[in-house]
C-alpha atoms as a PDB file:
ATOM      1  CA  UNK A   1     136.284  86.080  49.275  1.00  0.00           C
ATOM      2  CA  UNK A   2     133.928  85.804  51.954  1.00  0.00           C
ATOM      3  CA  UNK A   3     131.685  88.447  52.031  1.00  0.00           C
ATOM      4  CA  UNK A   4     132.630  91.676  54.272  1.00  0.00           C
ATOM      5  CA  UNK A   5     129.196  91.200  55.527  1.00  0.00           C
ATOM      6  CA  UNK A   6     130.157  87.815  56.917  1.00  0.00           C
ATOM      7  CA  UNK A   7     132.885  88.498  58.000  1.00  0.00           C
ATOM      8  CA  UNK A   8     131.402  91.553  60.314  1.00  0.00           C
ATOM      9  CA  UNK A   9     128.767  88.982  61.508  1.00  0.00           C
ATOM     10  CA  UNK A  10     131.345  86.514  62.907  1.00  0.00           C
ATOM     11  CA  UNK A  11     133.329  89.041  64.281  1.00  0.00           C
ATOM     12  CA  UNK A  12     130.835  90.679  65.774  1.00  0.00           C
ATOM     13  CA  UNK A  13     129.028  87.689  67.809  1.00  0.00           C
ATOM     14  CA  UNK A  14     132.257  87.161  68.892  1.00  0.00           C
ATOM     15  CA  UNK A  15     132.191  90.288  70.971  1.00  0.00           C
ATOM     16  CA  UNK A  16     128.613  89.561  72.033  1.00  0.00           C
ATOM     17  CA  UNK A  17     129.738  86.512  73.312  1.00  0.00           C
ATOM     18  CA  UNK A  18     133.018  87.641  75.061  1.00  0.00           C
ATOM     19  CA  UNK A  19     130.354  90.437  76.312  1.00  0.00           C
ATOM     20  CA  UNK A  20     128.156  87.941  77.986  1.00  0.00           C
ATOM     21  CA  UNK A  21     130.707  86.386  79.742  1.00  0.00           C
ATOM     22  CA  UNK A  22     132.175  89.544  81.069  1.00  0.00           C
ATOM     23  CA  UNK A  23     128.188  90.407  82.336  1.00  0.00           C
ATOM     24  CA  UNK A  24     128.695  87.068  84.458  1.00  0.00           C
ATOM     25  CA  UNK A  25     132.111  88.781  86.444  1.00  0.00           C
ATOM     26  CA  UNK A  26     130.331  90.170  89.271  1.00  0.00           C
ATOM     27  CA  UNK A  27     131.385  93.881  90.420  1.00  0.00           C
ATOM     28  CA  UNK A  28     129.894  94.014  93.834  1.00  0.00           C
ATOM     29  CA  UNK A  29     126.280  95.107  92.758  1.00  0.00           C
ATOM     30  CA  UNK A  30     123.345  92.693  91.467  1.00  0.00           C
ATOM     31  CA  UNK A  31     123.065  91.825  88.202  1.00  0.00           C
ATOM     32  CA  UNK A  32     120.560  89.592  86.619  1.00  0.00           C
ATOM     33  CA  UNK A  33     123.764  88.301  84.516  1.00  0.00           C
ATOM     34  CA  UNK A  34     125.489  87.063  86.830  1.00  0.00           C
ATOM     35  CA  UNK A  35     122.860  84.164  87.428  1.00  0.00           C
ATOM     36  CA  UNK A  36     120.640  83.632  84.893  1.00  0.00           C
ATOM     37  CA  UNK A  37     123.407  81.136  82.623  1.00  0.00           C
ATOM     38  CA  UNK A  38     123.918  78.982  85.551  1.00  0.00           C
ATOM     39  CA  UNK A  39     123.016  75.676  84.877  1.00  0.00           C
ATOM     40  CA  UNK A  40     120.399  73.896  87.198  1.00  0.00           C
ATOM     41  CA  UNK A  41     119.936  70.339  87.638  1.00  0.00           C
ATOM     42  CA  UNK A  42     116.270  70.032  86.529  1.00  0.00           C
ATOM     43  CA  UNK A  43     114.513  66.794  86.637  1.00  0.00           C
ATOM     44  CA  UNK A  44     117.770  65.315  85.089  1.00  0.00           C
ATOM     45  CA  UNK A  45     118.600  67.463  82.455  1.00  0.00           C
ATOM     46  CA  UNK A  46     120.817  71.074  82.516  1.00  0.00           C
ATOM     47  CA  UNK A  47     118.882  74.333  83.153  1.00  0.00           C
ATOM     48  CA  UNK A  48     119.855  77.448  82.063  1.00  0.00           C
ATOM     49  CA  UNK A  49     118.703  79.468  85.205  1.00  0.00           C
ATOM     50  CA  UNK A  50     116.959  82.415  83.556  1.00  0.00           C
ATOM     51  CA  UNK A  51     114.487  79.499  82.150  1.00  0.00           C
ATOM     52  CA  UNK A  52     113.219  78.014  85.454  1.00  0.00           C
ATOM     53  CA  UNK A  53     112.952  81.357  87.581  1.00  0.00           C
ATOM     54  CA  UNK A  54     112.523  85.217  87.650  1.00  0.00           C
ATOM     55  CA  UNK A  55     115.368  86.964  88.345  1.00  0.00           C
ATOM     56  CA  UNK A  56     115.415  90.718  90.034  1.00  0.00           C
ATOM     57  CA  UNK A  57     116.880  93.773  91.395  1.00  0.00           C
ATOM     58  CA  UNK A  58     114.946  94.719  93.955  1.00  0.00           C
ATOM     59  CA  UNK A  59     117.719  96.938  95.648  1.00  0.00           C
ATOM     60  CA  UNK A  60     121.123  98.101  94.089  1.00  0.00           C
ATOM     61  CA  UNK A  61     122.717  94.498  96.069  1.00  0.00           C
ATOM     62  CA  UNK A  62     119.963  92.203  96.120  1.00  0.00           C
ATOM     63  CA  UNK A  63     118.820  89.245  93.857  1.00  0.00           C
ATOM     64  CA  UNK A  64     115.394  87.995  94.021  1.00  0.00           C
ATOM     65  CA  UNK A  65     115.051  84.816  92.397  1.00  0.00           C
ATOM     66  CA  UNK A  66     111.356  83.528  92.141  1.00  0.00           C
ATOM     67  CA  UNK A  67     111.517  80.238  90.388  1.00  0.00           C
ATOM     68  CA  UNK A  68     108.333  79.171  89.045  1.00  0.00           C
ATOM     69  CA  UNK A  69     108.241  76.079  89.823  1.00  0.00           C
ATOM     70  CA  UNK A  70     108.794  76.177  93.760  1.00  0.00           C
ATOM     71  CA  UNK A  71     110.321  71.978  93.674  1.00  0.00           C
ATOM     72  CA  UNK A  72     113.095  73.825  92.054  1.00  0.00           C
ATOM     73  CA  UNK A  73     114.281  76.418  95.246  1.00  0.00           C
ATOM     74  CA  UNK A  74     116.224  73.503  96.572  1.00  0.00           C
ATOM     75  CA  UNK A  75     118.609  72.710  93.256  1.00  0.00           C
ATOM     76  CA  UNK A  76     118.506  76.234  92.491  1.00  0.00           C
ATOM     77  CA  UNK A  77     120.097  77.504  95.883  1.00  0.00           C
ATOM     78  CA  UNK A  78     122.651  74.244  95.669  1.00  0.00           C
ATOM     79  CA  UNK A  79     123.641  75.473  91.755  1.00  0.00           C
ATOM     80  CA  UNK A  80     124.222  79.182  93.203  1.00  0.00           C
ATOM     81  CA  UNK A  81     126.004  78.253  96.055  1.00  0.00           C
ATOM     82  CA  UNK A  82     128.289  75.623  94.108  1.00  0.00           C
ATOM     83  CA  UNK A  83     129.337  78.212  91.439  1.00  0.00           C
ATOM     84  CA  UNK A  84     132.531  79.908  91.320  1.00  0.00           C
ATOM     85  CA  UNK A  85     130.828  83.371  91.981  1.00  0.00           C
ATOM     86  CA  UNK A  86     130.990  83.010  95.810  1.00  0.00           C
ATOM     87  CA  UNK A  87     127.530  83.865  96.584  1.00  0.00           C
ATOM     88  CA  UNK A  88     125.471  82.459  99.777  1.00  0.00           C
ATOM     89  CA  UNK A  89     121.590  82.317  98.479  1.00  0.00           C
ATOM     90  CA  UNK A  90     118.891  82.791 101.166  1.00  0.00           C
ATOM     91  CA  UNK A  91     115.683  80.549 101.089  1.00  0.00           C
ATOM     92  CA  UNK A  92     113.090  83.269 101.903  1.00  0.00           C
ATOM     93  CA  UNK A  93     109.677  80.918 101.508  1.00  0.00           C
ATOM     94  CA  UNK A  94     109.080  80.053  97.942  1.00  0.00           C
ATOM     95  CA  UNK A  95     112.635  82.209  96.205  1.00  0.00           C
ATOM     96  CA  UNK A  96     116.049  82.726  97.169  1.00  0.00           C
ATOM     97  CA  UNK A  97     116.970  86.030  97.925  1.00  0.00           C
ATOM     98  CA  UNK A  98     121.315  86.939  97.139  1.00  0.00           C
ATOM     99  CA  UNK A  99     123.283  89.738  98.760  1.00  0.00           C
ATOM    100  CA  UNK A 100     126.097  90.603  96.728  1.00  0.00           C
ATOM    101  CA  UNK A 101     129.401  91.478  99.124  1.00  0.00           C
ATOM    102  CA  UNK A 102     131.437  94.452  98.471  1.00  0.00           C
ATOM    103  CA  UNK A 103     134.434  93.198  96.937  1.00  0.00           C
ATOM    104  CA  UNK A 104     137.973  93.332  98.344  1.00  0.00           C
ATOM    105  CA  UNK A 105     140.919  94.712  96.788  1.00  0.00           C
ATOM    106  CA  UNK A 106     142.155  91.516  96.510  1.00  0.00           C
ATOM    107  CA  UNK A 107     139.535  90.119  94.910  1.00  0.00           C
ATOM    108  CA  UNK A 108     138.950  92.980  92.318  1.00  0.00           C
ATOM    109  CA  UNK A 109     142.714  92.241  90.969  1.00  0.00           C
ATOM    110  CA  UNK A 110     141.751  88.394  90.626  1.00  0.00           C
ATOM    111  CA  UNK A 111     138.671  89.651  88.660  1.00  0.00           C
ATOM    112  CA  UNK A 112     141.059  92.005  86.391  1.00  0.00           C
ATOM    113  CA  UNK A 113     143.192  88.951  85.582  1.00  0.00           C
ATOM    114  CA  UNK A 114     139.902  86.733  84.963  1.00  0.00           C
ATOM    115  CA  UNK A 115     138.453  89.395  82.547  1.00  0.00           C
ATOM    116  CA  UNK A 116     141.111  89.778  80.870  1.00  0.00           C
ATOM    117  CA  UNK A 117     141.553  86.309  79.903  1.00  0.00           C
ATOM    118  CA  UNK A 118     137.873  86.417  78.837  1.00  0.00           C
ATOM    119  CA  UNK A 119     139.344  89.478  76.466  1.00  0.00           C
ATOM    120  CA  UNK A 120     142.250  86.998  74.600  1.00  0.00           C
ATOM    121  CA  UNK A 121     140.111  84.466  74.232  1.00  0.00           C
ATOM    122  CA  UNK A 122     137.448  86.998  72.385  1.00  0.00           C
ATOM    123  CA  UNK A 123     140.914  88.587  70.621  1.00  0.00           C
ATOM    124  CA  UNK A 124     141.937  84.582  69.324  1.00  0.00           C
ATOM    125  CA  UNK A 125     137.887  83.916  68.300  1.00  0.00           C
ATOM    126  CA  UNK A 126     138.309  87.509  65.758  1.00  0.00           C
ATOM    127  CA  UNK A 127     141.436  86.649  64.565  1.00  0.00           C
ATOM    128  CA  UNK A 128     140.308  82.706  63.672  1.00  0.00           C
ATOM    129  CA  UNK A 129     137.739  85.023  61.450  1.00  0.00           C
ATOM    130  CA  UNK A 130     140.526  86.729  59.913  1.00  0.00           C
ATOM    131  CA  UNK A 131     142.852  83.336  59.414  1.00  0.00           C
ATOM    132  CA  UNK A 132     139.809  81.429  57.444  1.00  0.00           C
ATOM    133  CA  UNK A 133     139.137  84.966  55.493  1.00  0.00           C
ATOM    134  CA  UNK A 134     142.809  85.270  54.423  1.00  0.00           C
ATOM    135  CA  UNK A 135     142.537  81.558  53.655  1.00  0.00           C
ATOM    136  CA  UNK A 136     139.680  81.812  51.186  1.00  0.00           C
ATOM    137  CA  UNK A 137     141.013  84.872  49.579  1.00  0.00           C
ATOM    138  CA  UNK A 138     144.433  83.100  49.110  1.00  0.00           C
ATOM    139  CA  UNK A 139     142.225  80.086  47.233  1.00  0.00           C
ATOM    140  CA  UNK A 140     140.252  82.134  45.154  1.00  0.00           C
ATOM    141  CA  UNK A 141     143.972  83.706  44.104  1.00  0.00           C
ATOM    142  CA  UNK A 142     144.672  80.460  43.414  1.00  0.00           C
ATOM    143  CA  UNK A 143     142.081  79.309  41.647  1.00  0.00           C
ATOM    144  CA  UNK A 144     142.240  81.912  39.263  1.00  0.00           C
ATOM    145  CA  UNK A 145     139.055  83.546  40.850  1.00  0.00           C
ATOM    146  CA  UNK A 146     140.886  86.421  41.937  1.00  0.00           C
ATOM    147  CA  UNK A 147     144.419  88.693  40.832  1.00  0.00           C
ATOM    148  CA  UNK A 148     147.073  89.239  43.336  1.00  0.00           C
ATOM    149  CA  UNK A 149     146.182  93.053  43.500  1.00  0.00           C
ATOM    150  CA  UNK A 150     142.581  92.384  44.598  1.00  0.00           C
ATOM    151  CA  UNK A 151     143.681  89.687  47.104  1.00  0.00           C
ATOM    152  CA  UNK A 152     146.289  91.799  48.453  1.00  0.00           C
ATOM    153  CA  UNK A 153     143.417  94.601  48.435  1.00  0.00           C
ATOM    154  CA  UNK A 154     140.818  92.084  50.653  1.00  0.00           C
ATOM    155  CA  UNK A 155     143.476  91.428  52.461  1.00  0.00           C
ATOM    156  CA  UNK A 156     143.969  94.705  53.904  1.00  0.00           C
ATOM    157  CA  UNK A 157     140.244  95.418  53.861  1.00  0.00           C
ATOM    158  CA  UNK A 158     140.319  91.831  56.163  1.00  0.00           C
ATOM    159  CA  UNK A 159     143.045  93.153  58.310  1.00  0.00           C
ATOM    160  CA  UNK A 160     141.024  96.794  58.529  1.00  0.00           C
ATOM    161  CA  UNK A 161     138.018  95.135  60.060  1.00  0.00           C
ATOM    162  CA  UNK A 162     139.822  92.772  62.365  1.00  0.00           C
ATOM    163  CA  UNK A 163     141.290  95.656  63.774  1.00  0.00           C
ATOM    164  CA  UNK A 164     138.028  97.445  64.225  1.00  0.00           C
ATOM    165  CA  UNK A 165     136.685  94.925  65.833  1.00  0.00           C
ATOM    166  CA  UNK A 166     140.097  93.787  68.281  1.00  0.00           C
ATOM    167  CA  UNK A 167     139.779  98.034  68.889  1.00  0.00           C
ATOM    168  CA  UNK A 168     136.105  97.482  70.141  1.00  0.00           C
ATOM    169  CA  UNK A 169     137.119  94.545  72.269  1.00  0.00           C
ATOM    170  CA  UNK A 170     139.528  96.250  73.784  1.00  0.00           C
ATOM    171  CA  UNK A 171     137.456  99.362  74.610  1.00  0.00           C
ATOM    172  CA  UNK A 172     134.569  96.922  76.123  1.00  0.00           C
ATOM    173  CA  UNK A 173     137.636  95.294  78.874  1.00  0.00           C
ATOM    174  CA  UNK A 174     138.829  98.648  79.998  1.00  0.00           C
ATOM    175  CA  UNK A 175     135.328  99.782  80.702  1.00  0.00           C
ATOM    176  CA  UNK A 176     134.778  96.665  82.505  1.00  0.00           C
ATOM    177  CA  UNK A 177     137.945  96.954  84.615  1.00  0.00           C
ATOM    178  CA  UNK A 178     136.972 100.333  85.572  1.00  0.00           C
ATOM    179  CA  UNK A 179     134.027  98.986  86.632  1.00  0.00           C
ATOM    180  CA  UNK A 180     135.506  96.273  88.436  1.00  0.00           C
ATOM    181  CA  UNK A 181     138.248  98.911  90.580  1.00  0.00           C
ATOM    182  CA  UNK A 182     136.070 101.704  90.782  1.00  0.00           C
ATOM    183  CA  UNK A 183     133.007 100.291  91.258  1.00  0.00           C
END
């Protein structure tokens, strides 16, 4: 059987990835996570924004992006404007200022749907880890490495771990929905 630690590690990485995607959904207040993973065309290759610039939050609804290479300002502006975030960057000397507008009720509901889809992708990934673990357990039983009772016990353990991580994902989803609807 796959070690429980390995299963938990994979499911934990799924939770982390889902949380990172949640952070890229804007809530009406500034956060570097909104833009840090945007891909910028930089000298012929796609580069994440956080590798090209410092991203700060000088005010609750303002992002300030200061590229280390001043020639990247135009490309960063173009990428932020073209993103699905609906942000309008303003070039201010060698930096970009992005004012985060208030969210309308309609946009909040739409973003809630997006967050639910992200959470469902996370649940599917967790279930895939479970499926692979159960397949491994069943192969071990067929090979004669473990008994039928051991198989049932290990499958129950894998299901308990899965339930814990799905519960954690649901808790994170509820937090993000509350954040979207109330802030």
